[in-house]
Amino acid sequence: MYGWPGNDQVDDAFLSHVPVGLLFPEVAWPEDQFEGGAGLLDRLIATGWSGSPGRFEIDLFAESEQRLSLPGVDGLELVLGGPEGLDDPGIPFRLAVTYDQDDLDAAATSWVLTLSGLAVTLVWDTDLLRAMESDGDGGYVETGEPVALTFTGEVRVNHDWTVEFDTDARVDLGTVQIGSTGIIVSASDVAPYFGVGALPDGAADLGLDDAFRGLLAGEVQVILPQSWGGRAAETYAKPPPPLVAETDPDGRTVAREDGTASYLPPESPVYVGPRITFSSCAIGTGGFSGDIAFDVDAETDLGEDPLPGLIQAVAEEDRLTDEPAGVSGLSAELFGFGLAVQRFELSLRHNTVTSSTIDGSLRVPFLDAWFDVEVTVAGDGALDVG
């Protein structure tokens, strides 16, 4: 006979090999919160459980990975699998639930479910993101595989069905195309967001609200199309290398007077001015949202006591300048012609190009003349030059 620890039992432990569906009523699985979970409780085997006041734990086993989708999060699938290096067949993991033992009415709105021993993979539909790889000739082609990001460590599901990953859960996005836009980006150090904590500043400008679920990235590299070129243009399309925080002898981060982290001067100069990169990006519900705002004459405000070694404006050697013609801009190439880029603005909302303006001056050598041009990015990533 199998039992379940009662409220008056402490550290009771049971061994079993029972489908979880026999331990819980069918209504226990929140099908309205995790779609596609039909039959999941019968596919998970409870191999043991224990309980104490305010907490119970179940050791679980699955023969294969389990795939779930989240309501309201179109195009994103949640896959529960084994961590890297798991050699044995099947996936053993643990589920623990904590709740308010002294107030069972409050427990219904305060419980927390923690999963450990799993790898959780987020898989995007190709309509939202497409995995890309180099074609060996300066371009990129689709891999044919879905974009999948795997997080390890504990995962917590709260009573309101928000999901929380380990605080240090950050991964590399890799190189992806944003849907069918033709716009290719690459990002590192992206973090999952599933409803826990406040959204970052500027979230409303990106069209995000409390229903957003997906990934957040501070800055995302833009892979310029093959029609673009020039060392400076490629350099300014990448995020700057991260600064190293100053630490004390105990390894703790040293704080400045205003409470922010103190950083060490970089070993070589680092440009921190405006870039041709997406900033404050969101990748998830509805697709990709982000903005590029580059002005060749803009400077980054470094405050009254700037860190040595930081460059706040576009360097002269990175400009394409013709003083007699009154032309100066970031040195780039477009279709093999010299292009002085003065302004580069591009906005995406939910995988749709909502605005794009690239102003510059194009030099035509055989005419020995400059022409002011405005380049726009079409919805399929094509460039229109006017």
Protein backbone atom coordinates (compact mmCIF):
# COMPACT_ATOMS: atom_id res chain seq x y z
CA MET A 1 0.00 0.00 0.00
CA TYR A 2 1.21 3.45 -0.81
CA GLY A 3 0.68 6.37 1.50
CA TRP A 4 1.03 10.11 1.46
CA PRO A 5 2.54 12.07 4.36
CA GLY A 6 -0.11 13.81 6.43
CA ASN A 7 0.19 17.21 8.03
CA ASP A 8 1.22 15.69 11.35
CA GLN A 9 3.99 13.56 9.91
CA VAL A 10 7.64 14.62 9.88
CA ASP A 11 10.29 13.27 7.55
CA ASP A 12 8.13 10.36 6.38
CA ALA A 13 9.69 8.61 3.39
CA PHE A 14 8.19 6.15 0.93
CA LEU A 15 9.64 4.14 -1.94
CA SER A 16 7.52 3.28 -4.94
CA HIS A 17 7.32 2.84 -8.69
CA VAL A 18 3.96 4.41 -9.37
CA PRO A 19 2.74 6.69 -12.17
CA VAL A 20 2.19 10.13 -10.72
CA GLY A 21 -1.32 10.07 -12.16
CA LEU A 22 -2.28 7.52 -9.51
CA LEU A 23 -1.11 9.81 -6.72
CA PHE A 24 -2.90 12.94 -7.89
CA PRO A 25 -6.40 13.52 -9.21
CA GLU A 26 -6.59 14.53 -12.86
CA VAL A 27 -7.44 18.10 -11.90
CA ALA A 28 -4.03 18.46 -10.19
CA TRP A 29 -2.29 18.95 -13.53
CA PRO A 30 -2.84 22.58 -14.65
CA GLU A 31 -3.63 21.81 -18.27
CA ASP A 32 -4.80 25.40 -18.69
CA GLN A 33 -1.32 26.60 -17.72
CA PHE A 34 0.85 24.03 -19.53
CA GLU A 35 -0.84 22.98 -22.74
CA GLY A 36 0.13 19.69 -24.32
CA GLY A 37 0.51 18.02 -20.94
CA ALA A 38 -2.23 15.49 -21.54
CA GLY A 39 -1.12 12.17 -20.09
CA LEU A 40 1.99 13.70 -18.57
CA LEU A 41 1.18 12.49 -15.07
CA ASP A 42 1.01 8.93 -16.37
CA ARG A 43 4.37 9.29 -18.15
CA LEU A 44 6.14 10.39 -14.97
CA ILE A 45 7.01 7.66 -12.46
CA ALA A 46 7.27 8.44 -8.76
CA THR A 47 10.16 6.42 -7.35
CA GLY A 48 9.95 7.84 -3.85
CA TRP A 49 8.58 10.66 -1.79
CA SER A 50 8.94 12.20 1.61
CA GLY A 51 7.28 14.94 3.59
CA SER A 52 7.63 17.23 6.55
CA PRO A 53 5.54 20.18 7.76
CA GLY A 54 5.36 22.76 5.00
CA ARG A 55 7.27 20.67 2.45
CA PHE A 56 7.04 17.46 0.47
CA GLU A 57 9.36 16.02 -2.17
CA ILE A 58 8.94 13.45 -4.93
CA ASP A 59 11.70 11.63 -6.77
CA LEU A 60 10.56 11.26 -10.37
CA PHE A 61 11.64 9.36 -13.46
CA ALA A 62 10.79 9.93 -17.12
CA GLU A 63 11.77 7.57 -19.94
CA SER A 64 12.28 10.44 -22.37
CA GLU A 65 12.12 14.22 -22.58
CA GLN A 66 8.74 15.84 -22.05
CA ARG A 67 7.51 18.68 -24.29
CA LEU A 68 5.06 21.32 -23.13
CA SER A 69 3.71 24.56 -24.54
CA LEU A 70 2.66 27.59 -22.54
CA PRO A 71 -0.68 29.31 -23.16
CA GLY A 72 -0.37 32.82 -24.47
CA VAL A 73 3.23 32.18 -25.58
CA ASP A 74 2.81 31.28 -29.23
CA GLY A 75 5.77 29.69 -30.96
CA LEU A 76 7.66 28.73 -27.78
CA GLU A 77 7.90 25.18 -26.45
CA LEU A 78 9.25 24.05 -23.09
CA VAL A 79 11.23 20.79 -23.14
CA LEU A 80 12.16 18.99 -19.92
CA GLY A 81 15.20 16.75 -20.39
CA GLY A 82 18.25 15.36 -18.65
CA PRO A 83 21.32 17.49 -17.90
CA GLU A 84 24.44 17.20 -20.05
CA GLY A 85 26.57 14.18 -19.19
CA LEU A 86 23.67 11.95 -18.12
CA ASP A 87 24.67 8.52 -19.44
CA ASP A 88 21.96 6.31 -17.94
CA PRO A 89 18.74 5.84 -19.91
CA GLY A 90 15.83 7.87 -18.67
CA ILE A 91 15.73 11.12 -16.74
CA PRO A 92 15.64 11.09 -12.93
CA PHE A 93 14.79 14.39 -11.24
CA ARG A 94 13.19 15.79 -8.11
CA LEU A 95 10.12 17.87 -7.43
CA ALA A 96 9.69 19.73 -4.14
CA VAL A 97 6.71 21.78 -2.99
CA THR A 98 6.86 24.22 -0.09
CA TYR A 99 3.78 25.84 1.43
CA ASP A 100 2.51 27.55 4.58
CA GLN A 101 1.95 24.68 6.98
CA ASP A 102 0.28 26.87 9.61
CA ASP A 103 -2.27 28.46 7.29
CA LEU A 104 -3.52 26.05 4.65
CA ASP A 105 -5.85 28.68 3.20
CA ALA A 106 -2.83 30.91 2.57
CA ALA A 107 -0.91 27.92 1.18
CA ALA A 108 -3.10 28.01 -1.92
CA THR A 109 -1.65 31.40 -2.82
CA SER A 110 1.90 30.97 -1.55
CA TRP A 111 3.15 27.55 -2.62
CA VAL A 112 6.34 27.16 -4.65
CA LEU A 113 7.21 24.12 -6.77
CA THR A 114 10.93 23.52 -7.40
CA LEU A 115 12.33 21.18 -10.07
CA SER A 116 15.96 20.08 -9.81
CA GLY A 117 18.16 17.68 -11.76
CA LEU A 118 16.65 18.74 -15.09
CA ALA A 119 17.74 20.66 -18.15
CA VAL A 120 15.01 22.98 -19.41
CA THR A 121 15.19 23.84 -23.10
CA LEU A 122 13.26 26.66 -24.75
CA VAL A 123 12.51 25.86 -28.40
CA TRP A 124 11.30 28.58 -30.78
CA ASP A 125 9.09 28.07 -33.79
CA THR A 126 10.91 28.89 -37.05
CA ASP A 127 8.28 31.56 -37.79
CA LEU A 128 9.82 33.55 -34.92
CA LEU A 129 13.53 32.67 -35.01
CA ARG A 130 15.63 30.69 -37.49
CA ALA A 131 19.00 29.18 -36.59
CA MET A 132 21.74 30.29 -39.00
CA GLU A 133 25.29 29.21 -39.78
CA SER A 134 28.10 30.56 -41.93
CA ASP A 135 28.07 29.46 -45.57
CA GLY A 136 31.88 29.76 -45.69
CA ASP A 137 31.69 32.59 -48.21
CA GLY A 138 30.84 35.55 -45.99
CA GLY A 139 27.13 34.86 -45.81
CA TYR A 140 24.73 32.82 -43.70
CA VAL A 141 22.29 30.01 -44.41
CA GLU A 142 19.58 28.37 -42.35
CA THR A 143 20.57 25.23 -40.46
CA GLY A 144 17.07 23.75 -40.71
CA GLU A 145 17.08 23.16 -36.95
CA PRO A 146 14.94 25.10 -34.48
CA VAL A 147 16.53 27.66 -32.18
CA ALA A 148 16.90 25.90 -28.82
CA LEU A 149 18.41 27.31 -25.62
CA THR A 150 19.07 25.06 -22.65
CA PHE A 151 19.16 26.14 -19.00
CA THR A 152 20.33 23.98 -16.13
CA GLY A 153 19.92 24.39 -12.39
CA GLU A 154 16.76 24.72 -10.37
CA VAL A 155 13.50 25.92 -11.90
CA ARG A 156 10.78 27.30 -9.64
CA VAL A 157 7.08 27.47 -10.50
CA ASN A 158 5.15 29.88 -8.28
CA HIS A 159 1.51 29.74 -7.21
CA ASP A 160 0.57 32.25 -9.94
CA TRP A 161 2.27 30.01 -12.54
CA THR A 162 5.14 32.38 -13.15
CA VAL A 163 8.41 30.53 -13.73
CA GLU A 164 11.76 31.46 -12.22
CA PHE A 165 15.14 30.15 -13.35
CA ASP A 166 18.36 30.29 -11.34
CA THR A 167 19.47 33.90 -11.02
CA ASP A 168 22.68 33.18 -12.95
CA ALA A 169 20.85 31.40 -15.78
CA ARG A 170 22.29 33.10 -18.85
CA VAL A 171 23.10 31.58 -22.21
CA ASP A 172 24.28 32.50 -25.70
CA LEU A 173 21.59 32.91 -28.33
CA GLY A 174 23.95 32.11 -31.20
CA THR A 175 23.33 33.43 -34.71
CA VAL A 176 19.68 33.64 -35.69
CA GLN A 177 17.49 35.29 -38.29
CA ILE A 178 14.48 37.17 -36.99
CA GLY A 179 11.62 35.31 -38.66
CA SER A 180 11.44 36.15 -42.37
CA THR A 181 12.81 39.69 -41.95
CA GLY A 182 16.23 38.78 -43.35
CA ILE A 183 17.77 40.51 -40.32
CA ILE A 184 20.43 38.33 -38.66
CA VAL A 185 21.57 38.90 -35.09
CA SER A 186 23.78 37.26 -32.51
CA ALA A 187 23.64 37.65 -28.74
CA SER A 188 25.35 36.40 -25.62
CA ASP A 189 24.41 36.66 -21.97
CA VAL A 190 20.65 36.52 -22.49
CA ALA A 191 18.40 35.77 -19.52
CA PRO A 192 14.99 34.06 -19.33
CA TYR A 193 11.98 36.00 -18.08
CA PHE A 194 8.78 34.18 -17.19
CA GLY A 195 6.89 36.67 -15.08
CA VAL A 196 9.10 36.96 -11.98
CA GLY A 197 10.39 40.41 -11.11
CA ALA A 198 9.96 43.71 -12.87
CA LEU A 199 10.52 44.12 -16.58
CA PRO A 200 13.49 46.36 -17.47
CA ASP A 201 13.17 50.07 -18.10
CA GLY A 202 11.88 50.73 -21.58
CA ALA A 203 9.83 47.53 -21.73
CA ALA A 204 6.66 49.47 -22.50
CA ASP A 205 8.41 51.13 -25.45
CA LEU A 206 9.06 47.66 -26.84
CA GLY A 207 5.38 46.79 -26.56
CA LEU A 208 5.91 44.47 -23.59
CA ASP A 209 3.47 43.98 -20.74
CA ASP A 210 3.04 41.60 -17.82
CA ALA A 211 2.09 38.80 -20.23
CA PHE A 212 5.56 38.75 -21.82
CA ARG A 213 7.48 35.48 -21.53
CA GLY A 214 10.82 34.78 -23.19
CA LEU A 215 14.36 36.17 -23.17
CA LEU A 216 15.80 39.58 -22.34
CA ALA A 217 19.09 40.84 -23.77
CA GLY A 218 20.81 44.14 -23.07
CA GLU A 219 22.59 44.48 -26.42
CA VAL A 220 22.47 42.34 -29.55
CA GLN A 221 24.99 42.23 -32.41
CA VAL A 222 23.72 42.88 -35.92
CA ILE A 223 25.15 40.77 -38.75
CA LEU A 224 25.24 43.23 -41.63
CA PRO A 225 24.20 41.87 -45.05
CA GLN A 226 26.86 41.02 -47.63
CA SER A 227 26.02 44.19 -49.57
CA TRP A 228 27.55 46.09 -46.63
CA GLY A 229 31.24 46.20 -45.83
CA GLY A 230 34.04 48.13 -44.24
CA ARG A 231 36.06 47.43 -41.13
CA ALA A 232 34.52 50.29 -39.14
CA ALA A 233 30.92 49.32 -39.96
CA GLU A 234 31.51 45.73 -38.84
CA THR A 235 33.29 46.86 -35.67
CA TYR A 236 30.50 49.24 -34.66
CA ALA A 237 27.86 46.53 -35.19
CA LYS A 238 29.19 44.54 -32.23
CA PRO A 239 28.61 45.15 -28.50
CA PRO A 240 31.69 46.28 -26.56
CA PRO A 241 33.62 43.71 -24.51
CA PRO A 242 32.40 43.56 -20.90
CA LEU A 243 34.29 45.53 -18.29
CA VAL A 244 35.86 43.69 -15.34
CA ALA A 245 34.46 44.55 -11.93
CA GLU A 246 36.88 45.50 -9.17
CA THR A 247 36.93 43.00 -6.29
CA ASP A 248 38.32 43.01 -2.74
CA PRO A 249 40.68 40.33 -1.34
CA ASP A 250 37.64 38.17 -0.48
CA GLY A 251 36.42 38.24 -4.07
CA ARG A 252 33.49 40.57 -3.40
CA THR A 253 32.62 43.30 -5.90
CA VAL A 254 33.73 46.75 -4.78
CA ALA A 255 30.94 49.34 -4.83
CA ARG A 256 31.19 53.03 -5.68
CA GLU A 257 29.71 55.75 -3.48
CA ASP A 258 26.42 55.57 -5.39
CA GLY A 259 26.18 51.82 -4.77
CA THR A 260 26.98 50.71 -8.32
CA ALA A 261 29.84 48.34 -9.09
CA SER A 262 33.34 49.73 -9.50
CA TYR A 263 35.12 48.61 -12.68
CA LEU A 264 38.78 48.31 -13.59
CA PRO A 265 40.14 50.39 -16.48
CA PRO A 266 40.33 48.26 -19.65
CA GLU A 267 43.75 47.05 -20.78
CA SER A 268 43.16 48.68 -24.18
CA PRO A 269 40.75 51.48 -25.16
CA VAL A 270 37.10 50.44 -25.45
CA TYR A 271 34.54 52.33 -27.52
CA VAL A 272 31.31 52.76 -25.51
CA GLY A 273 29.56 55.33 -27.72
CA PRO A 274 26.50 54.74 -29.94
CA ARG A 275 26.62 51.55 -31.98
CA ILE A 276 24.74 49.84 -34.79
CA THR A 277 23.38 47.27 -32.34
CA PHE A 278 19.94 46.45 -30.98
CA SER A 279 19.57 47.62 -27.39
CA SER A 280 17.23 46.43 -24.62
CA CYS A 281 15.89 43.55 -26.71
CA ALA A 282 13.11 41.09 -25.97
CA ILE A 283 12.76 37.70 -27.66
CA GLY A 284 9.67 35.72 -26.81
CA THR A 285 5.95 36.41 -26.86
CA GLY A 286 5.20 37.62 -30.39
CA GLY A 287 8.81 37.44 -31.58
CA PHE A 288 11.75 39.87 -31.48
CA SER A 289 11.54 43.51 -30.38
CA GLY A 290 14.41 45.98 -30.24
CA ASP A 291 15.80 49.28 -31.48
CA ILE A 292 18.94 50.52 -33.21
CA ALA A 293 19.70 54.22 -32.73
CA PHE A 294 23.08 55.33 -34.12
CA ASP A 295 24.19 58.90 -34.75
CA VAL A 296 27.80 59.36 -35.84
CA ASP A 297 28.05 62.67 -33.97
CA ALA A 298 26.47 61.48 -30.70
CA GLU A 299 28.56 60.91 -27.59
CA THR A 300 27.92 58.77 -24.53
CA ASP A 301 27.75 60.65 -21.23
CA LEU A 302 30.35 59.02 -18.97
CA GLY A 303 29.63 61.21 -15.96
CA GLU A 304 31.87 63.52 -13.95
CA ASP A 305 34.47 60.88 -13.11
CA PRO A 306 34.78 58.63 -16.18
CA LEU A 307 36.74 55.41 -16.12
CA PRO A 308 40.04 55.76 -18.01
CA GLY A 309 40.28 53.99 -21.33
CA LEU A 310 36.65 54.47 -22.43
CA ILE A 311 36.03 56.18 -25.78
CA GLN A 312 32.68 57.98 -25.95
CA ALA A 313 32.60 59.19 -29.57
CA VAL A 314 33.36 57.76 -33.01
CA ALA A 315 37.11 58.00 -33.62
CA GLU A 316 38.31 60.12 -36.53
CA GLU A 317 40.10 57.15 -38.09
CA ASP A 318 36.75 55.35 -38.27
CA ARG A 319 35.12 58.15 -40.23
CA LEU A 320 34.91 58.61 -43.97
CA THR A 321 35.45 62.34 -44.45
CA ASP A 322 35.63 64.72 -47.38
CA GLU A 323 35.90 68.24 -45.94
CA PRO A 324 35.57 70.15 -49.26
CA ALA A 325 32.36 68.23 -49.96
CA GLY A 326 31.11 68.67 -46.38
CA VAL A 327 30.82 64.91 -45.89
CA SER A 328 31.66 63.00 -42.73
CA GLY A 329 30.23 59.76 -41.37
CA LEU A 330 31.06 56.28 -40.17
CA SER A 331 33.20 54.61 -42.81
CA ALA A 332 31.28 51.84 -44.54
CA GLU A 333 30.69 50.35 -47.96
CA LEU A 334 27.43 49.70 -49.75
CA PHE A 335 27.49 47.58 -52.91
CA GLY A 336 31.24 48.31 -53.11
CA PHE A 337 30.86 52.10 -52.97
CA GLY A 338 32.14 54.21 -50.09
CA LEU A 339 29.36 55.17 -47.71
CA ALA A 340 29.62 57.75 -44.91
CA VAL A 341 26.86 56.77 -42.47
CA GLN A 342 25.46 59.67 -40.47
CA ARG A 343 22.42 57.98 -38.93
CA PHE A 344 21.23 54.37 -38.62
CA GLU A 345 17.84 53.76 -37.01
CA LEU A 346 15.86 50.54 -37.09
CA SER A 347 12.95 49.38 -34.94
CA LEU A 348 11.36 45.95 -34.75
CA ARG A 349 8.21 45.09 -32.83
CA HIS A 350 7.16 41.46 -32.61
CA ASN A 351 9.22 40.44 -35.67
CA THR A 352 7.92 43.32 -37.78
CA VAL A 353 10.05 46.20 -39.07
CA THR A 354 8.12 49.24 -37.84
CA SER A 355 10.59 51.93 -38.91
CA SER A 356 13.99 52.16 -40.55
CA THR A 357 16.13 55.09 -41.63
CA ILE A 358 19.78 54.95 -42.69
CA ASP A 359 21.10 58.33 -43.77
CA GLY A 360 24.49 58.78 -45.39
CA SER A 361 26.51 59.99 -48.33
CA LEU A 362 27.50 57.59 -51.11
CA ARG A 363 30.62 58.24 -53.17
CA VAL A 364 30.53 57.27 -56.84
CA PRO A 365 34.20 57.15 -58.00
CA PHE A 366 33.65 57.34 -61.77
CA LEU A 367 31.56 60.50 -61.28
CA ASP A 368 33.87 61.83 -58.56
CA ALA A 369 30.81 62.95 -56.65
CA TRP A 370 28.89 62.33 -53.43
CA PHE A 371 25.17 61.63 -53.33
CA ASP A 372 23.03 61.89 -50.20
CA VAL A 373 21.15 58.62 -49.81
CA GLU A 374 18.50 57.20 -47.53
CA VAL A 375 18.47 53.44 -47.12
CA THR A 376 15.44 51.65 -45.72
CA VAL A 377 15.12 48.04 -44.61
CA ALA A 378 12.12 46.26 -46.08
CA GLY A 379 10.14 43.63 -44.22
CA ASP A 380 12.11 40.85 -45.89
CA GLY A 381 15.48 42.40 -45.05
CA ALA A 382 16.05 43.82 -48.53
CA LEU A 383 17.68 47.25 -48.76
CA ASP A 384 15.96 50.04 -50.67
CA VAL A 385 18.30 52.91 -51.62
CA GLY A 386 16.76 56.30 -52.33
